[in-house]
PDB file of N, CA and C in Angstrom:
ATOM      1  N   UNK A   1      -5.788 -14.018  10.488  1.00  0.00           N
ATOM      2  CA  UNK A   1      -4.434 -14.379  10.108  1.00  0.00           C
ATOM      3  C   UNK A   1      -4.122 -13.785   8.739  1.00  0.00           C
ATOM      4  N   UNK A   2      -2.929 -13.218   8.625  1.00  0.00           N
ATOM      5  CA  UNK A   2      -2.507 -12.613   7.368  1.00  0.00           C
ATOM      6  C   UNK A   2      -1.902 -13.679   6.464  1.00  0.00           C
ATOM      7  N   UNK A   3      -2.158 -13.531   5.154  1.00  0.00           N
ATOM      8  CA  UNK A   3      -1.572 -14.472   4.200  1.00  0.00           C
ATOM      9  C   UNK A   3      -0.881 -13.694   3.091  1.00  0.00           C
ATOM     10  N   UNK A   4       0.104 -14.329   2.480  1.00  0.00           N
ATOM     11  CA  UNK A   4       0.853 -13.711   1.392  1.00  0.00           C
ATOM     12  C   UNK A   4       0.065 -13.875   0.104  1.00  0.00           C
ATOM     13  N   UNK A   5      -0.125 -12.775  -0.634  1.00  0.00           N
ATOM     14  CA  UNK A   5      -0.849 -12.811  -1.898  1.00  0.00           C
ATOM     15  C   UNK A   5       0.024 -12.199  -2.992  1.00  0.00           C
ATOM     16  N   UNK A   6      -0.221 -12.605  -4.231  1.00  0.00           N
ATOM     17  CA  UNK A   6       0.514 -12.101  -5.394  1.00  0.00           C
ATOM     18  C   UNK A   6      -0.422 -11.204  -6.194  1.00  0.00           C
ATOM     19  N   UNK A   7       0.108 -10.061  -6.643  1.00  0.00           N
ATOM     20  CA  UNK A   7      -0.677  -9.123  -7.439  1.00  0.00           C
ATOM     21  C   UNK A   7      -0.243  -9.207  -8.897  1.00  0.00           C
ATOM     22  N   UNK A   8      -1.224  -9.314  -9.801  1.00  0.00           N
ATOM     23  CA  UNK A   8      -0.944  -9.413 -11.233  1.00  0.00           C
ATOM     24  C   UNK A   8      -1.564  -8.227 -11.963  1.00  0.00           C
ATOM     25  N   UNK A   9      -0.860  -7.742 -12.972  1.00  0.00           N
ATOM     26  CA  UNK A   9      -1.336  -6.624 -13.784  1.00  0.00           C
ATOM     27  C   UNK A   9      -2.587  -7.049 -14.554  1.00  0.00           C
ATOM     28  N   UNK A  10      -3.568  -6.161 -14.591  1.00  0.00           N
ATOM     29  CA  UNK A  10      -4.824  -6.466 -15.281  1.00  0.00           C
ATOM     30  C   UNK A  10      -4.650  -6.407 -16.799  1.00  0.00           C
ATOM     31  N   UNK A  11      -3.741  -5.563 -17.286  1.00  0.00           N
ATOM     32  CA  UNK A  11      -3.541  -5.413 -18.731  1.00  0.00           C
ATOM     33  C   UNK A  11      -2.718  -6.552 -19.330  1.00  0.00           C
ATOM     34  N   UNK A  12      -1.489  -6.744 -18.821  1.00  0.00           N
ATOM     35  CA  UNK A  12      -0.587  -7.719 -19.442  1.00  0.00           C
ATOM     36  C   UNK A  12      -0.542  -9.057 -18.695  1.00  0.00           C
ATOM     37  N   UNK A  13      -0.996  -9.085 -17.443  1.00  0.00           N
ATOM     38  CA  UNK A  13      -1.043 -10.338 -16.699  1.00  0.00           C
ATOM     39  C   UNK A  13       0.233 -10.712 -15.969  1.00  0.00           C
ATOM     40  N   UNK A  14       1.257  -9.860 -16.036  1.00  0.00           N
ATOM     41  CA  UNK A  14       2.508 -10.187 -15.349  1.00  0.00           C
ATOM     42  C   UNK A  14       2.340 -10.030 -13.839  1.00  0.00           C
ATOM     43  N   UNK A  15       2.971 -10.925 -13.104  1.00  0.00           N
ATOM     44  CA  UNK A  15       2.871 -10.925 -11.642  1.00  0.00           C
ATOM     45  C   UNK A  15       4.058 -10.154 -11.082  1.00  0.00           C
ATOM     46  N   UNK A  16       3.829  -8.874 -10.761  1.00  0.00           N
ATOM     47  CA  UNK A  16       4.903  -7.964 -10.388  1.00  0.00           C
ATOM     48  C   UNK A  16       5.118  -7.826  -8.888  1.00  0.00           C
ATOM     49  N   UNK A  17       4.065  -7.899  -8.092  1.00  0.00           N
ATOM     50  CA  UNK A  17       4.152  -7.566  -6.682  1.00  0.00           C
ATOM     51  C   UNK A  17       3.599  -8.680  -5.809  1.00  0.00           C
ATOM     52  N   UNK A  18       4.092  -8.751  -4.571  1.00  0.00           N
ATOM     53  CA  UNK A  18       3.516  -9.628  -3.557  1.00  0.00           C
ATOM     54  C   UNK A  18       3.344  -8.797  -2.294  1.00  0.00           C
ATOM     55  N   UNK A  19       2.308  -9.098  -1.529  1.00  0.00           N
ATOM     56  CA  UNK A  19       1.996  -8.346  -0.323  1.00  0.00           C
ATOM     57  C   UNK A  19       1.273  -9.247   0.663  1.00  0.00           C
ATOM     58  N   UNK A  20       1.021  -8.738   1.841  1.00  0.00           N
ATOM     59  CA  UNK A  20       0.304  -9.478   2.867  1.00  0.00           C
ATOM     60  C   UNK A  20      -1.130  -8.963   2.930  1.00  0.00           C
ATOM     61  N   UNK A  21      -2.084  -9.874   3.087  1.00  0.00           N
ATOM     62  CA  UNK A  21      -3.490  -9.507   3.147  1.00  0.00           C
ATOM     63  C   UNK A  21      -4.159 -10.283   4.264  1.00  0.00           C
ATOM     64  N   UNK A  22      -5.042  -9.623   4.994  1.00  0.00           N
ATOM     65  CA  UNK A  22      -5.777 -10.312   6.041  1.00  0.00           C
ATOM     66  C   UNK A  22      -7.263 -10.390   5.708  1.00  0.00           C
ATOM     67  N   UNK A  23      -7.622 -10.041   4.473  1.00  0.00           N
ATOM     68  CA  UNK A  23      -9.006 -10.072   4.030  1.00  0.00           C
ATOM     69  C   UNK A  23      -9.211 -11.301   3.147  1.00  0.00           C
ATOM     70  N   UNK A  24      -9.936 -12.316   3.640  1.00  0.00           N
ATOM     71  CA  UNK A  24     -10.112 -13.543   2.890  1.00  0.00           C
ATOM     72  C   UNK A  24     -11.336 -13.545   1.998  1.00  0.00           C
ATOM     73  N   UNK A  25     -12.283 -12.635   2.221  1.00  0.00           N
ATOM     74  CA  UNK A  25     -13.555 -12.665   1.504  1.00  0.00           C
ATOM     75  C   UNK A  25     -13.450 -12.067   0.102  1.00  0.00           C
ATOM     76  N   UNK A  26     -12.817 -10.927  -0.031  1.00  0.00           N
ATOM     77  CA  UNK A  26     -12.768 -10.261  -1.333  1.00  0.00           C
ATOM     78  C   UNK A  26     -11.327 -10.107  -1.807  1.00  0.00           C
ATOM     79  N   UNK A  27     -11.156 -10.016  -3.115  1.00  0.00           N
ATOM     80  CA  UNK A  27      -9.829  -9.914  -3.715  1.00  0.00           C
ATOM     81  C   UNK A  27      -9.299  -8.485  -3.601  1.00  0.00           C
ATOM     82  N   UNK A  28      -8.004  -8.387  -3.356  1.00  0.00           N
ATOM     83  CA  UNK A  28      -7.329  -7.104  -3.232  1.00  0.00           C
ATOM     84  C   UNK A  28      -7.129  -6.502  -4.618  1.00  0.00           C
ATOM     85  N   UNK A  29      -7.346  -5.195  -4.734  1.00  0.00           N
ATOM     86  CA  UNK A  29      -7.211  -4.481  -6.004  1.00  0.00           C
ATOM     87  C   UNK A  29      -6.491  -3.162  -5.736  1.00  0.00           C
ATOM     88  N   UNK A  30      -5.285  -2.995  -6.308  1.00  0.00           N
ATOM     89  CA  UNK A  30      -4.454  -1.836  -6.035  1.00  0.00           C
ATOM     90  C   UNK A  30      -3.906  -1.289  -7.346  1.00  0.00           C
ATOM     91  N   UNK A  31      -3.776   0.027  -7.441  1.00  0.00           N
ATOM     92  CA  UNK A  31      -3.187   0.646  -8.622  1.00  0.00           C
ATOM     93  C   UNK A  31      -1.685   0.779  -8.383  1.00  0.00           C
ATOM     94  N   UNK A  32      -0.873   0.049  -9.196  1.00  0.00           N
ATOM     95  CA  UNK A  32       0.572   0.011  -9.040  1.00  0.00           C
ATOM     96  C   UNK A  32       1.242   0.237 -10.404  1.00  0.00           C
ATOM     97  N   UNK A  33       2.548   0.463 -10.386  1.00  0.00           N
ATOM     98  CA  UNK A  33       3.306   0.647 -11.617  1.00  0.00           C
ATOM     99  C   UNK A  33       3.716  -0.704 -12.178  1.00  0.00           C
ATOM    100  N   UNK A  34       3.441  -0.931 -13.464  1.00  0.00           N
ATOM    101  CA  UNK A  34       3.831  -2.154 -14.157  1.00  0.00           C
ATOM    102  C   UNK A  34       5.012  -1.818 -15.068  1.00  0.00           C
ATOM    103  N   UNK A  35       6.115  -2.547 -14.898  1.00  0.00           N
ATOM    104  CA  UNK A  35       7.309  -2.285 -15.696  1.00  0.00           C
ATOM    105  C   UNK A  35       7.151  -2.740 -17.139  1.00  0.00           C
ATOM    106  N   UNK A  36       6.365  -3.775 -17.383  1.00  0.00           N
ATOM    107  CA  UNK A  36       6.143  -4.239 -18.757  1.00  0.00           C
ATOM    108  C   UNK A  36       5.271  -3.258 -19.544  1.00  0.00           C
ATOM    109  N   UNK A  37       4.205  -2.758 -18.909  1.00  0.00           N
ATOM    110  CA  UNK A  37       3.310  -1.798 -19.568  1.00  0.00           C
ATOM    111  C   UNK A  37       3.870  -0.383 -19.528  1.00  0.00           C
ATOM    112  N   UNK A  38       4.819  -0.131 -18.631  1.00  0.00           N
ATOM    113  CA  UNK A  38       5.417   1.180 -18.417  1.00  0.00           C
ATOM    114  C   UNK A  38       4.358   2.225 -18.070  1.00  0.00           C
ATOM    115  N   UNK A  39       3.405   1.828 -17.212  1.00  0.00           N
ATOM    116  CA  UNK A  39       2.332   2.726 -16.794  1.00  0.00           C
ATOM    117  C   UNK A  39       1.739   2.241 -15.476  1.00  0.00           C
ATOM    118  N   UNK A  40       0.978   3.100 -14.824  1.00  0.00           N
ATOM    119  CA  UNK A  40       0.255   2.720 -13.615  1.00  0.00           C
ATOM    120  C   UNK A  40      -1.035   2.018 -14.037  1.00  0.00           C
ATOM    121  N   UNK A  41      -1.199   0.772 -13.601  1.00  0.00           N
ATOM    122  CA  UNK A  41      -2.374  -0.016 -13.949  1.00  0.00           C
ATOM    123  C   UNK A  41      -2.934  -0.666 -12.696  1.00  0.00           C
ATOM    124  N   UNK A  42      -4.141  -1.200 -12.809  1.00  0.00           N
ATOM    125  CA  UNK A  42      -4.776  -1.905 -11.701  1.00  0.00           C
ATOM    126  C   UNK A  42      -4.155  -3.295 -11.594  1.00  0.00           C
ATOM    127  N   UNK A  43      -3.755  -3.663 -10.396  1.00  0.00           N
ATOM    128  CA  UNK A  43      -3.211  -4.986 -10.110  1.00  0.00           C
ATOM    129  C   UNK A  43      -4.193  -5.700  -9.191  1.00  0.00           C
ATOM    130  N   UNK A  44      -4.565  -6.927  -9.563  1.00  0.00           N
ATOM    131  CA  UNK A  44      -5.510  -7.707  -8.770  1.00  0.00           C
ATOM    132  C   UNK A  44      -4.828  -8.901  -8.147  1.00  0.00           C
ATOM    133  N   UNK A  45      -5.378  -9.329  -7.008  1.00  0.00           N
ATOM    134  CA  UNK A  45      -4.878 -10.507  -6.307  1.00  0.00           C
ATOM    135  C   UNK A  45      -5.146 -11.760  -7.129  1.00  0.00           C
ATOM    136  N   UNK A  46      -4.130 -12.629  -7.236  1.00  0.00           N
ATOM    137  CA  UNK A  46      -4.291 -13.884  -7.970  1.00  0.00           C
ATOM    138  C   UNK A  46      -4.317 -15.034  -6.983  1.00  0.00           C
ATOM    139  N   UNK A  47      -4.665 -16.211  -7.482  1.00  0.00           N
ATOM    140  CA  UNK A  47      -4.713 -17.395  -6.623  1.00  0.00           C
ATOM    141  C   UNK A  47      -3.337 -17.920  -6.317  1.00  0.00           C
TER     142      UNK A  47
END
């Protein structure tokens, strides 16, 4: 079953993106653009 997860910037901590994930064991990690940092940074899944 897929669940909705929120992605937060690793540098500034702002929660910019939400996506669907079907992987419950490990946290999702994606490189996305952060508007606060004005750069591409790693975004990790938050609780």
